[in-house]
Amino acid sequence: TKTALRAKATREALKAIGLEVYPTTPANAMTTIYTPKSNEIRKILKNDFDLNIAGGQDHLKGKIFRINHMGLVADYEAVWAVNAIEKALDK
């Protein structure tokens, strides 16, 4: 499906720039990235790129961020999210 392809492409791109996908066997509905800098990255994405990325809850709060692949997500939006994350990491 388009969702599965988009999820796989997103995960591979994020791994290529050095991020850790969580868990090791992720669902296609979303890609979750484990990083202790989750809050900092999400703040840069929101302020500099107008991109809202979900964070973690409970024991994962501040340790992960999540990228949705379900619903009406165009391929260019997934590419934009990966590009913005890479730029946020540079900051």
Protein backbone atom coordinates (compact mmCIF):
# COMPACT_ATOMS: atom_id res chain seq x y z
CA THR A 1 0.00 0.00 0.00
CA LYS A 2 0.99 3.66 -0.34
CA THR A 3 1.09 3.96 3.46
CA ALA A 4 3.54 1.06 3.78
CA LEU A 5 5.78 2.43 1.02
CA ARG A 6 5.75 5.92 2.52
CA ALA A 7 6.54 4.53 5.98
CA LYS A 8 9.43 2.43 4.70
CA ALA A 9 10.90 5.31 2.69
CA THR A 10 10.62 7.65 5.67
CA ARG A 11 12.26 5.19 8.05
CA GLU A 12 15.11 4.45 5.64
CA ALA A 13 15.75 8.16 5.06
CA LEU A 14 15.76 8.92 8.79
CA LYS A 15 18.07 6.00 9.52
CA ALA A 16 20.39 7.25 6.76
CA ILE A 17 20.77 10.58 8.57
CA GLY A 18 21.61 8.79 11.81
CA LEU A 19 18.31 8.55 13.68
CA GLU A 20 17.09 5.51 15.59
CA VAL A 21 13.71 4.03 14.63
CA TYR A 22 11.70 2.82 17.61
CA PRO A 23 10.61 0.06 18.08
CA THR A 24 12.77 -2.24 16.00
CA THR A 25 9.64 -3.59 14.26
CA PRO A 26 7.52 -0.47 13.65
CA ALA A 27 3.95 -0.33 12.38
CA ASN A 28 3.29 1.37 9.06
CA ALA A 29 0.84 3.84 10.60
CA MET A 30 3.67 5.96 11.95
CA THR A 31 7.41 6.18 12.28
CA THR A 32 8.72 6.76 15.77
CA ILE A 33 12.21 8.09 16.35
CA TYR A 34 14.00 7.62 19.66
CA THR A 35 16.16 10.57 20.67
CA PRO A 36 16.77 12.32 23.98
CA LYS A 37 16.60 15.58 22.00
CA SER A 38 13.00 14.98 20.95
CA ASN A 39 11.60 18.13 22.55
CA GLU A 40 14.33 20.35 21.06
CA ILE A 41 13.84 18.88 17.59
CA ARG A 42 10.05 19.23 17.76
CA LYS A 43 10.37 22.86 18.89
CA ILE A 44 12.64 23.71 15.94
CA LEU A 45 10.28 21.90 13.54
CA LYS A 46 7.32 23.90 14.86
CA ASN A 47 9.01 27.31 15.04
CA ASP A 48 11.26 27.22 11.99
CA PHE A 49 9.39 24.94 9.60
CA ASP A 50 5.74 25.18 10.73
CA LEU A 51 5.71 21.38 11.09
CA ASN A 52 3.86 19.75 13.97
CA ILE A 53 5.31 16.40 14.97
CA ALA A 54 3.83 14.41 17.84
CA GLY A 55 5.93 13.65 20.89
CA GLY A 56 5.91 10.77 23.31
CA GLN A 57 3.58 10.11 26.21
CA ASP A 58 4.08 8.73 29.70
CA HIS A 59 7.57 7.18 30.10
CA LEU A 60 8.50 8.14 26.51
CA LYS A 61 7.73 11.85 26.93
CA GLY A 62 10.75 13.84 25.75
CA LYS A 63 12.40 10.70 24.33
CA ILE A 64 10.60 10.15 21.01
CA PHE A 65 8.84 11.92 18.20
CA ARG A 66 6.28 10.39 15.85
CA ILE A 67 5.55 10.94 12.16
CA ASN A 68 2.10 9.96 10.89
CA HIS A 69 1.75 8.01 7.61
CA MET A 70 -2.00 7.29 7.70
CA GLY A 71 -4.76 9.16 5.93
CA LEU A 72 -4.38 11.90 3.38
CA VAL A 73 -0.60 12.27 3.47
CA ALA A 74 0.91 13.17 0.12
CA ASP A 75 4.34 11.80 -0.76
CA TYR A 76 5.76 15.33 -0.95
CA GLU A 77 4.61 15.93 2.64
CA ALA A 78 6.58 12.91 3.83
CA VAL A 79 9.65 14.13 1.95
CA TRP A 80 9.18 17.62 3.42
CA ALA A 81 9.02 16.16 6.94
CA VAL A 82 12.27 14.24 6.45
CA ASN A 83 13.95 17.31 4.95
CA ALA A 84 12.78 19.53 7.82
CA ILE A 85 14.01 16.99 10.40
CA GLU A 86 17.42 16.89 8.73
CA LYS A 87 17.57 20.70 8.79
CA ALA A 88 16.45 20.76 12.43
CA LEU A 89 19.27 18.37 13.33
CA ASP A 90 21.75 20.78 11.74
CA LYS A 91 20.52 23.52 14.09
